[in-house]
């Protein structure tokens, strides 16, 4: 099941919630040239997940949900353009666990 919030897709797979940018956000920011992930393990809604520098802007990616960061797309640190990929296995930002199911269900359907 996929939801959307803050121009992000949140895809639930088993007990993980995979956060990635929507195609609209990818287009709006341009080619990503740098990404710096937050070191926080536990995040609240609207906490920073990552700082991104792209051809059109510099921005913070804010968490759409409370949760625990279980994984970061470390490959994107050395190859930031992966975040512009159309393939979800390449363009994801973080994976969250310990997410409130009701909060997830309350997000907009993708």
N, C-alpha and C. Protein backbone atom coordinates (compact mmCIF):
# COMPACT_ATOMS: atom_id res chain seq x y z
N UNK A 1 0.85 -1.17 0.00
CA UNK A 1 0.00 0.00 0.00
C UNK A 1 0.90 1.25 0.00
N UNK A 2 0.58 2.17 -0.88
CA UNK A 2 1.38 3.38 -0.99
C UNK A 2 0.53 4.60 -0.66
N UNK A 3 1.09 5.48 0.16
CA UNK A 3 0.46 6.75 0.52
C UNK A 3 1.39 7.87 0.09
N UNK A 4 0.92 9.12 0.23
CA UNK A 4 1.78 10.25 -0.10
C UNK A 4 1.56 11.38 0.89
N UNK A 5 2.64 12.11 1.16
CA UNK A 5 2.61 13.28 2.04
C UNK A 5 3.90 14.06 1.81
N UNK A 6 3.84 15.39 1.89
CA UNK A 6 5.03 16.24 1.73
C UNK A 6 5.76 15.97 0.41
N UNK A 7 5.03 15.66 -0.66
CA UNK A 7 5.63 15.31 -1.95
C UNK A 7 6.53 14.08 -1.86
N UNK A 8 6.18 13.19 -0.94
CA UNK A 8 6.90 11.94 -0.76
C UNK A 8 5.93 10.77 -0.89
N UNK A 9 6.43 9.67 -1.42
CA UNK A 9 5.69 8.41 -1.38
C UNK A 9 6.12 7.67 -0.13
N UNK A 10 5.16 7.03 0.54
CA UNK A 10 5.44 6.15 1.67
C UNK A 10 4.83 4.81 1.30
N UNK A 11 5.68 3.83 1.07
CA UNK A 11 5.24 2.51 0.61
C UNK A 11 5.40 1.52 1.75
N UNK A 12 4.29 0.94 2.20
CA UNK A 12 4.36 -0.04 3.30
C UNK A 12 4.63 -1.42 2.72
N UNK A 13 5.72 -2.02 3.20
CA UNK A 13 6.06 -3.39 2.82
C UNK A 13 6.36 -4.14 4.11
N UNK A 14 5.46 -5.06 4.47
CA UNK A 14 5.52 -5.78 5.75
C UNK A 14 5.51 -4.76 6.89
N UNK A 15 6.57 -4.71 7.69
CA UNK A 15 6.62 -3.77 8.82
C UNK A 15 7.51 -2.56 8.53
N UNK A 16 7.91 -2.39 7.28
CA UNK A 16 8.75 -1.25 6.91
C UNK A 16 7.97 -0.27 6.05
N UNK A 17 8.31 0.99 6.22
CA UNK A 17 7.69 2.07 5.46
C UNK A 17 8.81 2.75 4.68
N UNK A 18 8.79 2.60 3.36
CA UNK A 18 9.87 3.09 2.51
C UNK A 18 9.49 4.48 2.00
N UNK A 19 10.32 5.47 2.31
CA UNK A 19 10.06 6.85 1.94
C UNK A 19 10.90 7.21 0.71
N UNK A 20 10.22 7.74 -0.32
CA UNK A 20 10.92 8.17 -1.54
C UNK A 20 10.23 9.43 -2.07
N UNK A 21 10.93 10.13 -2.95
CA UNK A 21 10.37 11.35 -3.54
C UNK A 21 9.38 11.00 -4.64
N UNK A 22 8.33 11.80 -4.76
CA UNK A 22 7.39 11.63 -5.87
C UNK A 22 8.06 12.13 -7.15
N UNK A 23 7.58 11.68 -8.31
CA UNK A 23 8.12 12.20 -9.57
C UNK A 23 7.99 13.73 -9.67
N UNK A 24 6.91 14.29 -9.11
CA UNK A 24 6.75 15.75 -9.12
C UNK A 24 7.87 16.44 -8.38
N UNK A 25 8.22 15.91 -7.21
CA UNK A 25 9.31 16.51 -6.44
C UNK A 25 10.64 16.33 -7.17
N UNK A 26 10.86 15.15 -7.75
CA UNK A 26 12.09 14.92 -8.52
C UNK A 26 12.21 15.96 -9.63
N UNK A 27 11.11 16.22 -10.33
CA UNK A 27 11.13 17.20 -11.42
C UNK A 27 11.36 18.61 -10.89
N UNK A 28 10.70 18.95 -9.78
CA UNK A 28 10.79 20.30 -9.23
C UNK A 28 12.19 20.67 -8.76
N UNK A 29 12.91 19.69 -8.17
CA UNK A 29 14.23 20.03 -7.61
C UNK A 29 15.37 19.86 -8.60
N UNK A 30 15.15 19.07 -9.64
CA UNK A 30 16.21 18.85 -10.63
C UNK A 30 17.14 17.72 -10.20
N UNK A 31 18.29 17.67 -10.83
CA UNK A 31 19.26 16.60 -10.59
C UNK A 31 19.90 16.76 -9.22
N UNK A 32 19.82 15.71 -8.41
CA UNK A 32 20.40 15.73 -7.07
C UNK A 32 21.91 15.57 -7.18
N UNK A 33 22.63 16.48 -6.53
CA UNK A 33 24.09 16.43 -6.56
C UNK A 33 24.72 16.11 -5.22
N UNK A 34 23.90 16.19 -4.15
CA UNK A 34 24.44 15.94 -2.80
C UNK A 34 23.29 15.58 -1.88
N UNK A 35 23.52 14.60 -1.03
CA UNK A 35 22.54 14.25 0.00
C UNK A 35 23.28 13.97 1.30
N UNK A 36 22.74 14.50 2.39
CA UNK A 36 23.29 14.27 3.72
C UNK A 36 22.15 13.82 4.62
N UNK A 37 22.20 12.57 5.06
CA UNK A 37 21.14 12.02 5.89
C UNK A 37 21.30 12.43 7.34
N UNK A 38 20.18 12.65 8.01
CA UNK A 38 20.18 12.93 9.44
C UNK A 38 20.68 11.69 10.18
N UNK A 39 21.36 11.89 11.30
CA UNK A 39 21.85 10.78 12.10
C UNK A 39 20.81 10.28 13.10
N UNK A 40 19.69 10.99 13.20
CA UNK A 40 18.67 10.63 14.18
C UNK A 40 18.11 9.24 13.89
N UNK A 41 17.98 8.43 14.92
CA UNK A 41 17.39 7.11 14.76
C UNK A 41 15.87 7.17 14.92
N UNK A 42 15.42 8.00 15.84
CA UNK A 42 13.99 8.15 16.10
C UNK A 42 13.56 9.51 15.56
N UNK A 43 12.54 9.54 14.71
CA UNK A 43 12.10 10.80 14.13
C UNK A 43 10.62 11.03 14.43
N UNK A 44 10.29 12.29 14.54
CA UNK A 44 8.90 12.72 14.69
C UNK A 44 8.46 13.30 13.35
N UNK A 45 7.17 13.39 13.15
CA UNK A 45 6.63 14.01 11.94
C UNK A 45 7.24 15.40 11.78
N UNK A 46 7.69 15.72 10.60
CA UNK A 46 8.32 16.99 10.23
C UNK A 46 9.75 17.17 10.72
N UNK A 47 10.36 16.12 11.32
CA UNK A 47 11.81 16.16 11.59
C UNK A 47 12.54 15.96 10.27
N UNK A 48 13.76 16.47 10.20
CA UNK A 48 14.56 16.32 8.99
C UNK A 48 15.05 14.88 8.83
N UNK A 49 14.84 14.34 7.64
CA UNK A 49 15.40 13.02 7.29
C UNK A 49 16.71 13.18 6.53
N UNK A 50 16.77 14.24 5.70
CA UNK A 50 17.95 14.44 4.86
C UNK A 50 17.98 15.87 4.33
N UNK A 51 19.21 16.33 4.04
CA UNK A 51 19.40 17.59 3.32
C UNK A 51 19.82 17.23 1.91
N UNK A 52 19.19 17.89 0.95
CA UNK A 52 19.47 17.59 -0.45
C UNK A 52 19.85 18.87 -1.17
N UNK A 53 20.92 18.79 -1.95
CA UNK A 53 21.30 19.87 -2.85
C UNK A 53 21.08 19.36 -4.26
N UNK A 54 20.26 20.09 -5.02
CA UNK A 54 19.95 19.70 -6.39
C UNK A 54 20.17 20.88 -7.31
N UNK A 55 20.01 20.64 -8.61
CA UNK A 55 20.31 21.69 -9.59
C UNK A 55 19.40 22.91 -9.44
N UNK A 56 18.19 22.72 -8.92
CA UNK A 56 17.25 23.84 -8.81
C UNK A 56 17.04 24.36 -7.40
N UNK A 57 17.49 23.63 -6.38
CA UNK A 57 17.20 24.05 -5.00
C UNK A 57 18.06 23.30 -3.99
N UNK A 58 18.05 23.81 -2.78
CA UNK A 58 18.60 23.12 -1.61
C UNK A 58 17.42 22.97 -0.66
N UNK A 59 17.20 21.78 -0.13
CA UNK A 59 16.03 21.59 0.73
C UNK A 59 16.24 20.50 1.76
N UNK A 60 15.41 20.56 2.79
CA UNK A 60 15.34 19.52 3.80
C UNK A 60 14.17 18.60 3.44
N UNK A 61 14.38 17.32 3.53
CA UNK A 61 13.30 16.35 3.37
C UNK A 61 12.78 16.07 4.78
N UNK A 62 11.50 16.34 4.99
CA UNK A 62 10.89 16.20 6.32
C UNK A 62 10.11 14.90 6.41
N UNK A 63 10.20 14.27 7.57
CA UNK A 63 9.53 13.00 7.77
C UNK A 63 8.01 13.18 7.75
N UNK A 64 7.31 12.33 7.00
CA UNK A 64 5.85 12.41 6.97
C UNK A 64 5.19 11.71 8.16
N UNK A 65 5.98 10.96 8.93
CA UNK A 65 5.44 10.17 10.03
C UNK A 65 6.43 10.09 11.18
N UNK A 66 5.93 9.76 12.37
CA UNK A 66 6.81 9.40 13.49
C UNK A 66 7.30 7.98 13.23
N UNK A 67 8.53 7.68 13.61
CA UNK A 67 9.03 6.32 13.45
C UNK A 67 10.50 6.20 13.78
N UNK A 68 11.03 5.02 13.56
CA UNK A 68 12.44 4.72 13.77
C UNK A 68 13.08 4.48 12.40
N UNK A 69 14.19 5.15 12.15
CA UNK A 69 14.90 4.97 10.87
C UNK A 69 15.65 3.64 10.95
N UNK A 70 15.23 2.69 10.10
CA UNK A 70 15.87 1.37 10.11
C UNK A 70 16.94 1.26 9.04
N UNK A 71 16.87 2.13 8.01
CA UNK A 71 17.87 2.10 6.94
C UNK A 71 17.86 3.43 6.21
N UNK A 72 19.04 3.80 5.69
CA UNK A 72 19.20 4.99 4.85
C UNK A 72 19.79 4.52 3.52
N UNK A 73 19.47 5.20 2.45
CA UNK A 73 20.00 4.82 1.15
C UNK A 73 21.44 5.32 1.04
N UNK A 74 22.35 4.58 1.65
CA UNK A 74 23.76 4.98 1.71
C UNK A 74 24.39 5.06 0.31
N UNK A 75 23.87 4.29 -0.65
CA UNK A 75 24.40 4.35 -2.01
C UNK A 75 24.20 5.75 -2.60
N UNK A 76 23.15 6.46 -2.16
CA UNK A 76 22.87 7.80 -2.68
C UNK A 76 23.87 8.83 -2.18
N UNK A 77 24.58 8.53 -1.09
CA UNK A 77 25.60 9.47 -0.59
C UNK A 77 26.73 9.57 -1.61
N UNK A 78 27.18 8.43 -2.13
CA UNK A 78 28.26 8.45 -3.11
C UNK A 78 27.76 8.66 -4.54
N UNK A 79 26.48 8.36 -4.79
CA UNK A 79 25.89 8.55 -6.12
C UNK A 79 24.51 9.20 -5.98
N UNK A 80 24.48 10.51 -5.65
CA UNK A 80 23.22 11.20 -5.34
C UNK A 80 22.19 11.16 -6.47
N UNK A 81 22.62 11.02 -7.71
CA UNK A 81 21.68 11.00 -8.83
C UNK A 81 20.75 9.79 -8.78
N UNK A 82 21.06 8.79 -7.93
CA UNK A 82 20.14 7.66 -7.76
C UNK A 82 18.77 8.15 -7.31
N UNK A 83 18.74 9.26 -6.56
CA UNK A 83 17.48 9.79 -6.06
C UNK A 83 16.59 10.32 -7.19
N UNK A 84 17.15 10.52 -8.38
CA UNK A 84 16.38 10.94 -9.55
C UNK A 84 15.87 9.75 -10.37
N UNK A 85 16.25 8.56 -10.00
CA UNK A 85 15.86 7.36 -10.74
C UNK A 85 14.35 7.14 -10.65
N UNK A 86 13.78 6.52 -11.66
CA UNK A 86 12.37 6.13 -11.63
C UNK A 86 12.19 4.81 -10.90
N UNK A 87 13.27 4.11 -10.62
CA UNK A 87 13.20 2.79 -9.97
C UNK A 87 13.20 2.94 -8.45
N UNK A 88 12.16 2.41 -7.79
CA UNK A 88 12.05 2.54 -6.35
C UNK A 88 13.22 1.88 -5.61
N UNK A 89 13.76 0.80 -6.16
CA UNK A 89 14.88 0.14 -5.49
C UNK A 89 16.14 1.01 -5.48
N UNK A 90 16.16 2.08 -6.29
CA UNK A 90 17.30 2.99 -6.32
C UNK A 90 17.00 4.34 -5.67
N UNK A 91 15.74 4.82 -5.79
CA UNK A 91 15.47 6.21 -5.40
C UNK A 91 14.93 6.41 -3.98
N UNK A 92 14.85 5.35 -3.19
CA UNK A 92 14.33 5.51 -1.83
C UNK A 92 15.30 6.32 -0.96
N UNK A 93 14.73 6.98 0.04
CA UNK A 93 15.54 7.80 0.96
C UNK A 93 15.84 7.04 2.25
N UNK A 94 14.78 6.73 2.98
CA UNK A 94 14.92 6.02 4.24
C UNK A 94 13.83 4.97 4.37
N UNK A 95 14.06 4.05 5.29
CA UNK A 95 13.05 3.06 5.67
C UNK A 95 12.74 3.28 7.15
N UNK A 96 11.45 3.32 7.46
CA UNK A 96 11.01 3.55 8.83
C UNK A 96 10.32 2.30 9.38
N UNK A 97 10.47 2.10 10.68
CA UNK A 97 9.71 1.08 11.40
C UNK A 97 9.07 1.77 12.59
N UNK A 98 8.30 1.03 13.38
CA UNK A 98 7.62 1.56 14.57
C UNK A 98 6.74 2.76 14.22
N UNK A 99 6.03 2.65 13.09
CA UNK A 99 5.15 3.72 12.63
C UNK A 99 3.73 3.43 13.12
N UNK A 100 3.03 4.46 13.53
CA UNK A 100 1.64 4.33 13.95
C UNK A 100 0.79 4.03 12.72
N UNK A 101 0.16 2.87 12.71
CA UNK A 101 -0.63 2.43 11.56
C UNK A 101 -1.78 3.40 11.26
N UNK A 102 -2.38 3.96 12.28
CA UNK A 102 -3.48 4.91 12.06
C UNK A 102 -2.98 6.18 11.39
N UNK A 103 -1.80 6.65 11.78
CA UNK A 103 -1.22 7.85 11.15
C UNK A 103 -0.93 7.57 9.68
N UNK A 104 -0.38 6.39 9.39
CA UNK A 104 -0.12 6.00 8.00
C UNK A 104 -1.42 5.94 7.21
N UNK A 105 -2.45 5.30 7.78
CA UNK A 105 -3.74 5.14 7.10
C UNK A 105 -4.38 6.51 6.83
N UNK A 106 -4.06 7.50 7.65
CA UNK A 106 -4.63 8.83 7.49
C UNK A 106 -4.01 9.66 6.39
N UNK A 107 -2.89 9.20 5.81
CA UNK A 107 -2.24 9.92 4.72
C UNK A 107 -3.03 9.75 3.44
N UNK A 108 -2.78 10.64 2.49
CA UNK A 108 -3.45 10.62 1.18
C UNK A 108 -3.02 9.38 0.40
N UNK A 109 -4.00 8.73 -0.25
CA UNK A 109 -3.68 7.58 -1.11
C UNK A 109 -2.88 8.06 -2.31
N UNK A 110 -1.90 7.25 -2.70
CA UNK A 110 -1.06 7.61 -3.85
C UNK A 110 -1.71 7.18 -5.14
